[in-house]
Amino acid sequence: MDIDFYNEASAAKLGWDPSWFGCDAFDEDLADAIAKWQRKHNIASDGMCGPTTFRRVFAEREAFVHELADLPKVVRKSANNIVVNGSMVPIKWHKVVLWSEINGLRAKPGSYRNQGGKPKRDVRYFVCHWDVCLSSASCQKVLDKRGLSVYFLIDNDGTIYQTCDLQHVAFHAGSRRYNNESVGVEISNAYYPKYQKTYMKRGFGERPIVRGAEVHGTRLDPFMGFYPTQIGALTALFQALHTAFDLPYRCPMAGSRMSTTLTSLVPEGKFRGFLHHYHISRNKIDCAGLDLLPLLQRLEDET
């Protein structure tokens, strides 16, 4: 058997790469490194990363992510990353907190489907939600009570919280199919203008008021929008997910504008990119008033 060919095919199927074993190519050095790793972990030493070896090395990498919490903060924050399939993916944002870190927010066990050690997920789209809560911590408590989960939360100050590895399947998008194919974020926003004074008392400042927004053909009453720092954090997430899953900088369109209603492209399996919850559910209105098109066009121009 051609070991190099086997490992390359296995990597494509399961979602690993030579860097997991300290190598940079599918060659004899990789086979030797895999065999060494297998001997160290009492696995049959054949130099091939099959399902058994992959599950073991994935578990070890995932455990390493949790051990980051034990490192000094100055070391842990020398660069910001999100976690995808046990690997660190850089994100160009200054405030990112993983579930394993001090003050992190963690998805409750049982509120997501654990996919550890399985082939890397094929994420097709990124779903934007608003949490109708006063903070990301409050949102996480609500999700815990409901047995739901989401991968990211963006707080009022722009802090991005990652609650679990993107390899797992979080329960955030409604149906099993949508959950399987997506990643999602809850952006903190209590929505109703009556909470404006609360935000100001807490030192976050006044939120913009959105007027004239339409969803599913209905004009909404004025509501609170997002802080600019939250939009900055969201844009940084878009860029990181573009890198991690090769998601195109695309949103559902209606002519030359972003669509403001349900799209048939997602259930038909014809869409990859970024969208709002209302694009996949007629019962949802989040995130009305947030035009994704200029954000995505700017990222496309910077590519």
Protein backbone atom coordinates (compact mmCIF):
# COMPACT_ATOMS: atom_id res chain seq x y z
CA MET A 1 0.00 0.00 0.00
CA ASP A 2 1.21 3.53 -0.82
CA ILE A 3 1.35 5.05 2.68
CA ASP A 4 1.68 8.63 1.40
CA PHE A 5 -1.41 8.27 -0.78
CA TYR A 6 -3.36 6.68 2.09
CA ASN A 7 -2.51 9.52 4.48
CA GLU A 8 -3.43 12.20 1.96
CA ALA A 9 -6.78 10.52 1.27
CA SER A 10 -7.38 10.06 5.01
CA ALA A 11 -6.63 13.74 5.68
CA ALA A 12 -9.11 14.83 3.01
CA LYS A 13 -11.80 12.55 4.42
CA LEU A 14 -11.30 13.04 8.17
CA GLY A 15 -10.12 16.64 8.30
CA TRP A 16 -6.53 16.52 9.60
CA ASP A 17 -3.26 17.74 8.10
CA PRO A 18 0.46 16.93 8.44
CA SER A 19 1.00 19.78 10.92
CA TRP A 20 -0.87 17.67 13.51
CA PHE A 21 2.24 15.46 13.57
CA GLY A 22 4.79 18.27 13.17
CA CYS A 23 5.21 17.83 9.41
CA ASP A 24 4.35 19.90 6.35
CA ALA A 25 3.87 17.34 3.56
CA PHE A 26 2.51 13.87 2.82
CA ASP A 27 5.82 12.06 2.60
CA GLU A 28 8.05 9.55 4.39
CA ASP A 29 8.77 12.00 7.18
CA LEU A 30 5.05 12.19 7.94
CA ALA A 31 4.71 8.40 7.94
CA ASP A 32 7.66 8.17 10.36
CA ALA A 33 6.13 10.86 12.61
CA ILE A 34 2.76 9.08 12.65
CA ALA A 35 4.44 5.75 13.47
CA LYS A 36 6.36 7.40 16.32
CA TRP A 37 3.15 8.93 17.66
CA GLN A 38 1.38 5.55 17.41
CA ARG A 39 4.11 3.77 19.34
CA LYS A 40 3.99 6.43 22.04
CA HIS A 41 0.24 5.90 22.44
CA ASN A 42 0.28 2.08 22.19
CA ILE A 43 -1.40 1.93 18.79
CA ALA A 44 -0.34 -0.45 16.02
CA SER A 45 2.56 1.39 14.39
CA ASP A 46 1.92 1.42 10.63
CA GLY A 47 2.57 5.10 9.83
CA MET A 48 -0.98 5.59 8.56
CA CYS A 49 -3.49 7.94 10.21
CA GLY A 50 -6.69 5.91 9.99
CA PRO A 51 -9.90 6.47 11.99
CA THR A 52 -8.48 5.05 15.24
CA THR A 53 -5.32 7.15 15.17
CA PHE A 54 -7.31 10.20 14.11
CA ARG A 55 -9.76 9.89 17.01
CA ARG A 56 -6.89 9.61 19.49
CA VAL A 57 -4.92 12.55 18.13
CA PHE A 58 -8.06 14.68 17.87
CA ALA A 59 -8.91 13.99 21.51
CA GLU A 60 -5.37 14.95 22.52
CA ARG A 61 -5.55 18.22 20.56
CA GLU A 62 -8.97 19.05 22.01
CA ALA A 63 -7.62 18.43 25.51
CA PHE A 64 -4.77 20.83 24.75
CA VAL A 65 -7.30 23.57 24.04
CA HIS A 66 -8.73 23.16 27.54
CA GLU A 67 -5.22 23.27 29.02
CA LEU A 68 -4.80 26.79 27.63
CA ALA A 69 -6.70 27.99 30.68
CA ASP A 70 -3.72 26.99 32.81
CA LEU A 71 -1.26 29.18 30.91
CA PRO A 72 -0.42 32.71 32.08
CA LYS A 73 -2.81 35.20 30.54
CA VAL A 74 -0.04 37.14 28.86
CA VAL A 75 1.06 33.99 27.02
CA ARG A 76 -2.45 32.82 26.22
CA LYS A 77 -3.34 36.21 24.72
CA SER A 78 -0.22 36.77 22.61
CA ALA A 79 -2.58 36.14 19.68
CA ASN A 80 -6.31 35.62 19.41
CA ASN A 81 -7.74 32.47 17.89
CA ILE A 82 -10.94 30.52 17.51
CA VAL A 83 -11.00 26.71 17.70
CA VAL A 84 -11.99 24.61 14.70
CA ASN A 85 -11.72 20.83 14.87
CA GLY A 86 -9.12 21.04 17.63
CA SER A 87 -6.97 23.53 15.71
CA MET A 88 -6.36 27.22 16.36
CA VAL A 89 -7.52 29.57 13.61
CA PRO A 90 -6.33 33.19 13.92
CA ILE A 91 -8.92 35.95 14.16
CA LYS A 92 -8.16 39.64 13.71
CA TRP A 93 -9.94 40.87 16.83
CA HIS A 94 -8.55 42.09 20.13
CA LYS A 95 -11.10 40.57 22.53
CA VAL A 96 -11.71 36.82 22.14
CA VAL A 97 -12.40 34.48 25.08
CA LEU A 98 -12.53 30.69 24.68
CA TRP A 99 -14.78 28.47 26.77
CA SER A 100 -11.71 27.04 28.52
CA GLU A 101 -10.40 30.41 29.67
CA ILE A 102 -11.04 32.41 32.82
CA ASN A 103 -14.41 34.18 32.48
CA GLY A 104 -15.23 32.10 29.40
CA LEU A 105 -18.78 31.06 28.55
CA ARG A 106 -19.29 27.33 27.91
CA ALA A 107 -22.08 25.56 26.07
CA LYS A 108 -23.80 23.20 28.49
CA PRO A 109 -23.02 19.50 27.92
CA GLY A 110 -25.98 17.92 26.16
CA SER A 111 -26.95 21.16 24.45
CA TYR A 112 -24.86 20.27 21.40
CA ARG A 113 -23.91 17.09 19.55
CA ASN A 114 -20.32 16.09 20.22
CA GLN A 115 -18.50 15.39 16.95
CA GLY A 116 -15.05 14.95 18.43
CA GLY A 117 -12.88 12.54 16.43
CA LYS A 118 -15.25 12.49 13.46
CA PRO A 119 -14.55 13.87 9.98
CA LYS A 120 -14.33 17.65 9.87
CA ARG A 121 -17.73 19.26 9.42
CA ASP A 122 -18.61 20.80 6.07
CA VAL A 123 -19.97 24.15 7.24
CA ARG A 124 -21.96 25.83 4.47
CA TYR A 125 -23.20 29.01 6.11
CA PHE A 126 -22.92 31.33 9.08
CA VAL A 127 -26.16 32.40 10.84
CA CYS A 128 -26.53 35.74 12.66
CA HIS A 129 -28.90 35.93 15.64
CA TRP A 130 -29.63 38.63 18.22
CA ASP A 131 -30.14 37.42 21.75
CA VAL A 132 -32.83 39.84 23.10
CA CYS A 133 -30.80 39.84 26.34
CA LEU A 134 -28.85 42.52 28.16
CA SER A 135 -25.53 40.65 28.00
CA SER A 136 -23.85 37.56 26.57
CA ALA A 137 -23.69 36.01 30.05
CA SER A 138 -27.47 36.37 30.35
CA CYS A 139 -27.90 34.85 26.91
CA GLN A 140 -25.80 31.82 27.87
CA LYS A 141 -27.96 31.26 30.95
CA VAL A 142 -31.10 31.34 28.78
CA LEU A 143 -29.59 28.89 26.31
CA ASP A 144 -28.61 26.56 29.17
CA LYS A 145 -32.15 26.55 30.52
CA ARG A 146 -33.59 25.80 27.09
CA GLY A 147 -31.08 23.08 26.23
CA LEU A 148 -29.79 25.11 23.28
CA SER A 149 -26.35 26.30 22.25
CA VAL A 150 -24.52 28.65 19.91
CA TYR A 151 -20.86 28.78 18.95
CA PHE A 152 -20.21 32.47 19.49
CA LEU A 153 -21.64 35.31 21.54
CA ILE A 154 -20.73 38.96 20.93
CA ASP A 155 -21.13 41.07 24.07
CA ASN A 156 -21.94 44.77 24.34
CA ASP A 157 -18.26 45.74 24.51
CA GLY A 158 -17.37 43.69 21.42
CA THR A 159 -15.94 40.70 23.29
CA ILE A 160 -16.33 37.48 21.31
CA TYR A 161 -17.02 34.38 23.41
CA GLN A 162 -16.58 30.95 21.81
CA THR A 163 -18.57 28.35 23.75
CA CYS A 164 -17.46 25.09 22.08
CA ASP A 165 -15.34 23.72 19.25
CA LEU A 166 -16.84 24.44 15.81
CA GLN A 167 -16.46 20.72 15.09
CA HIS A 168 -19.47 20.02 17.30
CA VAL A 169 -23.07 20.60 16.19
CA ALA A 170 -24.69 23.38 18.21
CA PHE A 171 -28.47 23.67 18.47
CA HIS A 172 -29.06 27.21 17.29
CA ALA A 173 -30.68 27.26 13.85
CA GLY A 174 -33.95 25.37 14.40
CA SER A 175 -33.85 22.16 12.36
CA ARG A 176 -31.32 19.35 12.52
CA ARG A 177 -30.30 19.96 8.91
CA TYR A 178 -29.63 23.66 9.45
CA ASN A 179 -27.66 22.91 12.61
CA ASN A 180 -25.56 20.29 10.84
CA GLU A 181 -24.48 22.67 8.08
CA SER A 182 -23.98 25.93 9.96
CA VAL A 183 -22.16 27.99 12.54
CA GLY A 184 -23.98 30.75 14.41
CA VAL A 185 -23.50 33.80 16.61
CA GLU A 186 -25.75 35.53 19.14
CA ILE A 187 -25.13 39.28 19.17
CA SER A 188 -26.18 40.87 22.44
CA ASN A 189 -29.07 43.32 21.99
CA ALA A 190 -32.17 43.61 24.19
CA TYR A 191 -33.97 44.99 21.10
CA TYR A 192 -36.67 47.12 22.77
CA PRO A 193 -35.87 50.87 23.12
CA LYS A 194 -37.15 50.86 26.70
CA TYR A 195 -33.82 49.25 27.69
CA GLN A 196 -31.75 52.12 26.31
CA LYS A 197 -31.38 53.71 29.76
CA THR A 198 -30.12 50.42 31.19
CA TYR A 199 -27.29 50.27 28.67
CA MET A 200 -26.36 53.87 29.39
CA LYS A 201 -26.37 53.27 33.16
CA ARG A 202 -24.04 50.30 32.64
CA GLY A 203 -21.60 52.49 30.76
CA PHE A 204 -22.01 51.12 27.25
CA GLY A 205 -23.49 54.29 25.82
CA GLU A 206 -26.56 54.83 23.68
CA ARG A 207 -27.45 52.27 21.08
CA PRO A 208 -28.50 53.38 17.58
CA ILE A 209 -32.24 53.16 16.88
CA VAL A 210 -33.23 51.33 13.71
CA ARG A 211 -36.27 52.72 11.91
CA GLY A 212 -38.10 51.51 8.82
CA ALA A 213 -36.60 47.99 8.77
CA GLU A 214 -38.63 45.36 6.94
CA VAL A 215 -38.65 41.58 7.29
CA HIS A 216 -40.92 39.19 5.38
CA GLY A 217 -42.70 42.20 3.89
CA THR A 218 -43.62 43.70 7.27
CA ARG A 219 -42.24 47.01 8.55
CA LEU A 220 -41.04 46.73 12.13
CA ASP A 221 -41.51 49.28 14.90
CA PRO A 222 -38.28 51.14 15.85
CA PHE A 223 -35.82 48.97 17.77
CA MET A 224 -32.26 49.16 19.05
CA GLY A 225 -29.41 48.31 16.73
CA PHE A 226 -25.86 47.13 17.43
CA TYR A 227 -22.89 49.04 18.76
CA PRO A 228 -20.14 49.71 16.17
CA THR A 229 -17.71 47.55 18.17
CA GLN A 230 -20.13 44.62 17.87
CA ILE A 231 -20.20 45.06 14.10
CA GLY A 232 -16.40 45.10 14.12
CA ALA A 233 -16.34 41.83 16.05
CA LEU A 234 -18.89 40.28 13.70
CA THR A 235 -16.85 41.28 10.66
CA ALA A 236 -13.75 39.71 12.21
CA LEU A 237 -15.72 36.48 12.72
CA PHE A 238 -16.80 36.55 9.08
CA GLN A 239 -13.17 36.75 8.01
CA ALA A 240 -12.10 33.92 10.33
CA LEU A 241 -14.92 31.64 9.13
CA HIS A 242 -14.09 32.48 5.53
CA THR A 243 -10.59 31.17 6.24
CA ALA A 244 -11.64 28.14 8.29
CA PHE A 245 -14.37 26.79 5.99
CA ASP A 246 -13.77 28.57 2.69
CA LEU A 247 -17.10 30.40 3.01
CA PRO A 248 -17.55 32.93 0.21
CA TYR A 249 -18.30 36.53 1.14
CA ARG A 250 -21.90 36.17 -0.01
CA CYS A 251 -25.37 36.77 1.45
CA PRO A 252 -28.88 36.01 0.12
CA MET A 253 -29.76 38.58 -2.53
CA ALA A 254 -32.90 40.12 -4.04
CA GLY A 255 -31.66 41.82 -7.16
CA SER A 256 -28.77 44.10 -6.21
CA ARG A 257 -29.69 44.20 -2.50
CA MET A 258 -29.58 41.77 0.40
CA SER A 259 -32.83 39.84 0.70
CA THR A 260 -35.06 40.67 3.68
CA THR A 261 -37.07 37.46 3.71
CA LEU A 262 -36.88 33.68 3.53
CA THR A 263 -34.61 32.21 0.88
CA SER A 264 -35.13 28.86 -0.84
CA LEU A 265 -31.44 28.51 -1.67
CA VAL A 266 -30.46 27.20 1.77
CA PRO A 267 -32.88 24.24 2.04
CA GLU A 268 -32.14 23.44 -1.60
CA GLY A 269 -28.45 23.17 -0.74
CA LYS A 270 -27.49 25.94 -3.18
CA PHE A 271 -26.11 28.50 -0.75
CA ARG A 272 -22.74 28.99 0.93
CA GLY A 273 -21.99 32.15 2.83
CA PHE A 274 -23.42 34.43 5.52
CA LEU A 275 -27.04 35.10 6.44
CA HIS A 276 -29.55 36.12 9.11
CA HIS A 277 -31.86 33.78 11.00
CA TYR A 278 -34.85 35.21 9.14
CA HIS A 279 -33.34 33.99 5.87
CA ILE A 280 -34.06 30.39 6.96
CA SER A 281 -37.18 30.85 9.13
CA ARG A 282 -40.34 32.84 8.49
CA ASN A 283 -40.92 32.89 12.27
CA LYS A 284 -37.75 34.92 12.90
CA ILE A 285 -36.85 38.57 12.39
CA ASP A 286 -33.20 38.60 13.54
CA CYS A 287 -31.07 40.38 12.51
CA ALA A 288 -33.37 42.92 10.84
CA GLY A 289 -31.83 46.22 9.81
CA LEU A 290 -28.28 44.84 9.59
CA ASP A 291 -27.21 44.89 5.95
CA LEU A 292 -24.54 42.23 5.50
CA LEU A 293 -23.74 43.20 1.91
CA PRO A 294 -21.41 46.18 2.59
CA LEU A 295 -19.60 44.25 5.35
CA LEU A 296 -18.96 41.32 3.03
CA GLN A 297 -18.05 43.52 0.06
CA ARG A 298 -15.44 45.29 2.17
CA LEU A 299 -13.90 41.97 3.21
CA GLU A 300 -13.93 40.81 -0.41
CA ASP A 301 -12.14 43.98 -1.48
CA GLU A 302 -9.46 43.40 1.17
CA THR A 303 -8.81 39.83 0.02
